[in-house]
Amino acid sequence: MNESSRQELDPNRLDDLFILGVDEISYRKHHNYLTLVTNHETGKIVYGAEGKSAKSLDEFFDDLGEERIAKIKAATMDLGPAFAKAFREKAPNAEICLDPFHVVKLGTEALEEVRKDLWREMRKLPSPVYARKFAGARWALLKNPGTLTKRQGLALLAIKQRGGALWRAYEMKESLRAIFAGDLEIDEVNEMLDHWCKRASRSRLSSFIRLSKTIRTHREGILASIRLGVSNGRVEGLNA
């Protein structure tokens, strides 16, 4: 951040920071990134720097100083390692909260990986009809059940009736989404997440086996986000 930019900023913006949100945004066709820090209580951006690495936050912590760093209670972020690394090193007393929305998103991506693998197999068949129908069922799998059209609902029913890996993957995705729907207590989330990871690790679905390992690695931060009732949704919406 150059000197002229500093002079335009509110000099009090770094005071009384207790819960922060950290996110990166891309620009210029996703070739460049900015790291932005938001004050959860005011909804205002208090810092920005080029890049999306841990070093992008160095100047932020330098500007804060030890006294103000000590006041930070928590920081919300996605599951990427860079920002968590920066806070562990520079603000070790701040609780790292990893947004459950990103966990649900990873579940959807794991399902899509299973679907694509099966679609590739169907393309090898003599008739292209099955592959085309299968490709058309994509949104029936990826959308939330309550938002399906009648046609998508019928496509999902057909997939259920066939069973197999794709339906198991769909059930895994939906059960993970249900855990983070917001109607469970933290102890219930903890128990259900443990059950889900065990089930995923035995699923014989490579994408869900990997996801179970990711969730176990980041479990503490995911549960902290739920316990404190904070997420990066507002921050990402503001940045967008």
Protein backbone atom coordinates (compact mmCIF):
# COMPACT_ATOMS: atom_id res chain seq x y z
CA MET A 1 0.00 0.00 0.00
CA ASN A 2 1.60 3.28 -1.09
CA GLU A 3 1.83 6.42 1.04
CA SER A 4 -0.91 8.35 -0.79
CA SER A 5 -3.31 5.45 -0.26
CA ARG A 6 -2.50 5.38 3.43
CA GLN A 7 -3.38 9.07 3.77
CA GLU A 8 -6.84 8.47 2.28
CA LEU A 9 -7.72 5.75 4.79
CA ASP A 10 -9.53 6.31 8.08
CA PRO A 11 -6.73 6.41 10.67
CA ASN A 12 -9.03 4.74 13.22
CA ARG A 13 -9.96 1.81 11.00
CA LEU A 14 -7.58 -0.55 12.80
CA ASP A 15 -8.90 0.24 16.29
CA ASP A 16 -11.19 -2.16 18.12
CA LEU A 17 -10.84 -5.07 15.71
CA PHE A 18 -12.22 -8.17 17.41
CA ILE A 19 -13.58 -10.44 14.69
CA LEU A 20 -12.09 -10.23 11.20
CA GLY A 21 -12.86 -11.76 7.85
CA VAL A 22 -10.08 -12.49 5.35
CA ASP A 23 -10.68 -13.24 1.69
CA GLU A 24 -8.98 -12.94 -1.67
CA ILE A 25 -10.59 -11.63 -4.84
CA SER A 26 -9.38 -11.97 -8.40
CA TYR A 27 -9.35 -9.37 -11.15
CA ARG A 28 -8.03 -8.98 -14.69
CA LYS A 29 -9.39 -12.35 -15.82
CA HIS A 30 -8.27 -14.09 -12.61
CA HIS A 31 -4.60 -13.39 -13.21
CA ASN A 32 -4.21 -11.00 -10.29
CA TYR A 33 -5.39 -11.20 -6.69
CA LEU A 34 -6.09 -8.90 -3.78
CA THR A 35 -6.21 -9.93 -0.14
CA LEU A 36 -8.85 -8.00 1.80
CA VAL A 37 -9.50 -7.85 5.54
CA THR A 38 -12.96 -6.89 6.80
CA ASN A 39 -14.18 -5.87 10.24
CA HIS A 40 -17.11 -8.20 10.91
CA GLU A 41 -18.78 -5.77 13.30
CA THR A 42 -18.85 -2.80 10.91
CA GLY A 43 -18.82 -4.67 7.60
CA LYS A 44 -16.07 -2.37 6.34
CA ILE A 45 -12.82 -3.31 4.62
CA VAL A 46 -9.90 -2.21 6.79
CA TYR A 47 -6.95 -3.48 4.74
CA GLY A 48 -6.06 -4.57 1.24
CA ALA A 49 -2.89 -5.80 -0.44
CA GLU A 50 -1.88 -7.49 -3.68
CA GLY A 51 -1.47 -11.25 -3.71
CA LYS A 52 -3.11 -14.06 -1.78
CA SER A 53 -0.24 -15.52 0.23
CA ALA A 54 0.54 -15.31 3.94
CA LYS A 55 2.94 -12.47 3.17
CA SER A 56 0.03 -10.39 1.85
CA LEU A 57 -0.95 -9.86 5.49
CA ASP A 58 2.51 -8.85 6.77
CA GLU A 59 1.88 -5.14 6.42
CA PHE A 60 -1.53 -5.49 8.09
CA PHE A 61 -0.01 -6.99 11.22
CA ASP A 62 2.84 -4.45 11.16
CA ASP A 63 0.29 -1.62 11.08
CA LEU A 64 -1.74 -3.16 13.89
CA GLY A 65 1.06 -3.60 16.36
CA GLU A 66 1.13 -6.04 19.28
CA GLU A 67 -1.42 -4.24 21.45
CA ARG A 68 -4.16 -4.24 18.80
CA ILE A 69 -3.27 -7.74 17.59
CA ALA A 70 -3.90 -9.02 21.11
CA LYS A 71 -7.52 -7.80 20.88
CA ILE A 72 -8.37 -9.99 17.87
CA LYS A 73 -10.64 -12.81 19.06
CA ALA A 74 -11.30 -14.62 15.79
CA ALA A 75 -10.75 -14.51 12.04
CA THR A 76 -12.97 -16.15 9.42
CA MET A 77 -11.49 -17.49 6.18
CA ASP A 78 -11.76 -20.29 3.63
CA LEU A 79 -9.89 -23.59 3.88
CA GLY A 80 -6.77 -22.40 2.05
CA PRO A 81 -3.60 -22.66 4.18
CA ALA A 82 -2.08 -19.21 3.52
CA PHE A 83 -4.24 -16.96 5.72
CA ALA A 84 -4.43 -19.50 8.54
CA LYS A 85 -0.62 -19.68 8.52
CA ALA A 86 -0.36 -15.90 8.79
CA PHE A 87 -2.71 -15.71 11.76
CA ARG A 88 -1.08 -18.61 13.58
CA GLU A 89 2.27 -16.89 13.29
CA LYS A 90 1.27 -13.25 13.81
CA ALA A 91 -1.88 -13.47 15.95
CA PRO A 92 -1.68 -16.82 17.77
CA ASN A 93 -4.43 -15.90 20.25
CA ALA A 94 -7.00 -15.33 17.50
CA GLU A 95 -9.29 -18.28 16.86
CA ILE A 96 -9.26 -19.40 13.23
CA CYS A 97 -12.78 -20.02 11.91
CA LEU A 98 -13.11 -21.93 8.65
CA ASP A 99 -16.32 -21.30 6.76
CA PRO A 100 -18.61 -24.40 6.60
CA PHE A 101 -19.96 -23.13 3.26
CA HIS A 102 -16.64 -24.06 1.69
CA VAL A 103 -16.88 -27.56 3.17
CA VAL A 104 -20.31 -28.01 1.55
CA LYS A 105 -18.88 -26.66 -1.70
CA LEU A 106 -16.12 -29.28 -1.57
CA GLY A 107 -18.81 -31.94 -1.13
CA THR A 108 -20.50 -30.73 -4.31
CA GLU A 109 -17.17 -30.79 -6.14
CA ALA A 110 -16.52 -34.35 -4.93
CA LEU A 111 -19.91 -35.42 -6.32
CA GLU A 112 -19.18 -33.71 -9.62
CA GLU A 113 -15.91 -35.64 -9.87
CA VAL A 114 -17.81 -38.93 -9.51
CA ARG A 115 -20.35 -37.81 -12.13
CA LYS A 116 -17.64 -36.83 -14.61
CA ASP A 117 -15.86 -40.17 -14.19
CA LEU A 118 -19.08 -42.05 -14.99
CA TRP A 119 -19.85 -39.72 -17.91
CA ARG A 120 -16.45 -40.46 -19.42
CA GLU A 121 -17.17 -44.19 -19.17
CA MET A 122 -20.54 -43.72 -20.87
CA ARG A 123 -18.94 -41.84 -23.74
CA LYS A 124 -17.04 -45.02 -24.57
CA LEU A 125 -20.29 -46.86 -25.25
CA PRO A 126 -21.32 -47.44 -28.92
CA SER A 127 -24.40 -45.22 -28.59
CA PRO A 128 -23.95 -41.58 -27.47
CA VAL A 129 -27.57 -41.41 -26.20
CA TYR A 130 -26.77 -42.50 -22.66
CA ALA A 131 -23.91 -40.04 -22.28
CA ARG A 132 -26.12 -37.17 -23.46
CA LYS A 133 -28.90 -38.06 -21.04
CA PHE A 134 -26.42 -38.43 -18.23
CA ALA A 135 -24.88 -35.02 -18.95
CA GLY A 136 -28.37 -33.50 -18.84
CA ALA A 137 -28.88 -34.82 -15.31
CA ARG A 138 -26.01 -32.74 -13.93
CA TRP A 139 -28.14 -30.04 -12.30
CA ALA A 140 -30.46 -32.63 -10.79
CA LEU A 141 -27.45 -33.84 -8.83
CA LEU A 142 -25.80 -30.53 -7.96
CA LYS A 143 -28.82 -28.39 -7.03
CA ASN A 144 -30.51 -28.53 -3.64
CA PRO A 145 -33.51 -30.91 -3.75
CA GLY A 146 -35.95 -28.14 -2.86
CA THR A 147 -35.05 -26.14 -5.97
CA LEU A 148 -35.34 -28.89 -8.59
CA THR A 149 -37.67 -28.53 -11.54
CA LYS A 150 -40.11 -31.36 -12.26
CA ARG A 151 -37.84 -32.66 -15.01
CA GLN A 152 -34.78 -32.55 -12.76
CA GLY A 153 -36.72 -34.30 -10.00
CA LEU A 154 -37.55 -37.16 -12.37
CA ALA A 155 -33.91 -37.37 -13.45
CA LEU A 156 -32.82 -37.61 -9.81
CA LEU A 157 -35.41 -40.32 -9.15
CA ALA A 158 -34.05 -42.32 -12.08
CA ILE A 159 -30.52 -42.03 -10.67
CA LYS A 160 -31.78 -43.19 -7.27
CA GLN A 161 -33.47 -46.19 -8.80
CA ARG A 162 -30.25 -47.20 -10.56
CA GLY A 163 -28.26 -46.84 -7.35
CA GLY A 164 -24.53 -47.44 -7.59
CA ALA A 165 -21.62 -45.07 -7.04
CA LEU A 166 -23.37 -41.96 -8.31
CA TRP A 167 -26.31 -42.27 -5.92
CA ARG A 168 -23.96 -43.00 -3.02
CA ALA A 169 -21.99 -39.88 -3.91
CA TYR A 170 -25.20 -37.84 -4.04
CA GLU A 171 -26.22 -39.09 -0.59
CA MET A 172 -22.78 -38.18 0.75
CA LYS A 173 -23.09 -34.67 -0.65
CA GLU A 174 -26.57 -34.15 0.76
CA SER A 175 -25.78 -35.56 4.19
CA LEU A 176 -22.80 -33.22 4.45
CA ARG A 177 -24.98 -30.26 3.48
CA ALA A 178 -27.52 -31.27 6.13
CA ILE A 179 -24.87 -31.22 8.86
CA PHE A 180 -24.22 -27.53 8.16
CA ALA A 181 -27.84 -26.49 7.60
CA GLY A 182 -27.76 -24.49 10.84
CA ASP A 183 -30.30 -26.44 12.89
CA LEU A 184 -27.86 -28.56 14.92
CA GLU A 185 -26.05 -27.79 18.16
CA ILE A 186 -22.26 -27.79 18.10
CA ASP A 187 -22.06 -31.18 19.87
CA GLU A 188 -24.43 -32.66 17.31
CA VAL A 189 -22.40 -31.22 14.43
CA ASN A 190 -19.24 -32.68 15.94
CA GLU A 191 -20.81 -36.13 16.28
CA MET A 192 -22.40 -36.10 12.83
CA LEU A 193 -19.20 -34.86 11.20
CA ASP A 194 -17.28 -37.69 12.79
CA HIS A 195 -19.83 -40.19 11.49
CA TRP A 196 -19.74 -38.62 8.01
CA CYS A 197 -15.94 -38.79 7.79
CA LYS A 198 -15.94 -42.47 8.79
CA ARG A 199 -18.58 -43.23 6.19
CA ALA A 200 -16.74 -41.25 3.49
CA SER A 201 -13.44 -42.98 4.23
CA ARG A 202 -15.15 -46.36 3.61
CA SER A 203 -17.13 -45.20 0.56
CA ARG A 204 -14.67 -46.41 -2.11
CA LEU A 205 -15.20 -43.00 -3.74
CA SER A 206 -11.76 -41.43 -4.06
CA SER A 207 -12.99 -37.84 -4.11
CA PHE A 208 -14.95 -38.33 -0.87
CA ILE A 209 -12.09 -40.20 0.78
CA ARG A 210 -9.87 -37.17 0.08
CA LEU A 211 -12.56 -34.83 1.39
CA SER A 212 -12.86 -36.78 4.65
CA LYS A 213 -9.12 -36.28 5.18
CA THR A 214 -9.46 -32.55 4.44
CA ILE A 215 -12.30 -32.19 6.94
CA ARG A 216 -10.37 -34.04 9.64
CA THR A 217 -7.38 -31.76 9.05
CA HIS A 218 -9.48 -28.58 9.37
CA ARG A 219 -12.06 -29.86 11.83
CA GLU A 220 -11.13 -27.55 14.71
CA GLY A 221 -11.49 -24.41 12.59
CA ILE A 222 -14.77 -25.61 11.05
CA LEU A 223 -16.29 -26.25 14.47
CA ALA A 224 -15.02 -22.89 15.75
CA SER A 225 -16.95 -21.12 13.00
CA ILE A 226 -20.16 -22.86 14.07
CA ARG A 227 -19.56 -22.36 17.79
CA LEU A 228 -18.96 -18.63 17.38
CA GLY A 229 -21.70 -18.22 14.79
CA VAL A 230 -19.48 -16.50 12.22
CA SER A 231 -18.76 -17.18 8.57
CA ASN A 232 -17.07 -15.58 5.59
CA GLY A 233 -20.32 -15.24 3.64
CA ARG A 234 -20.82 -11.56 4.42
CA VAL A 235 -17.17 -10.81 3.71
CA GLU A 236 -17.24 -12.57 0.34
CA GLY A 237 -20.48 -10.87 -0.59
CA LEU A 238 -19.00 -7.47 0.21
CA ASN A 239 -15.84 -8.23 -1.77
CA ALA A 240 -17.89 -9.40 -4.75
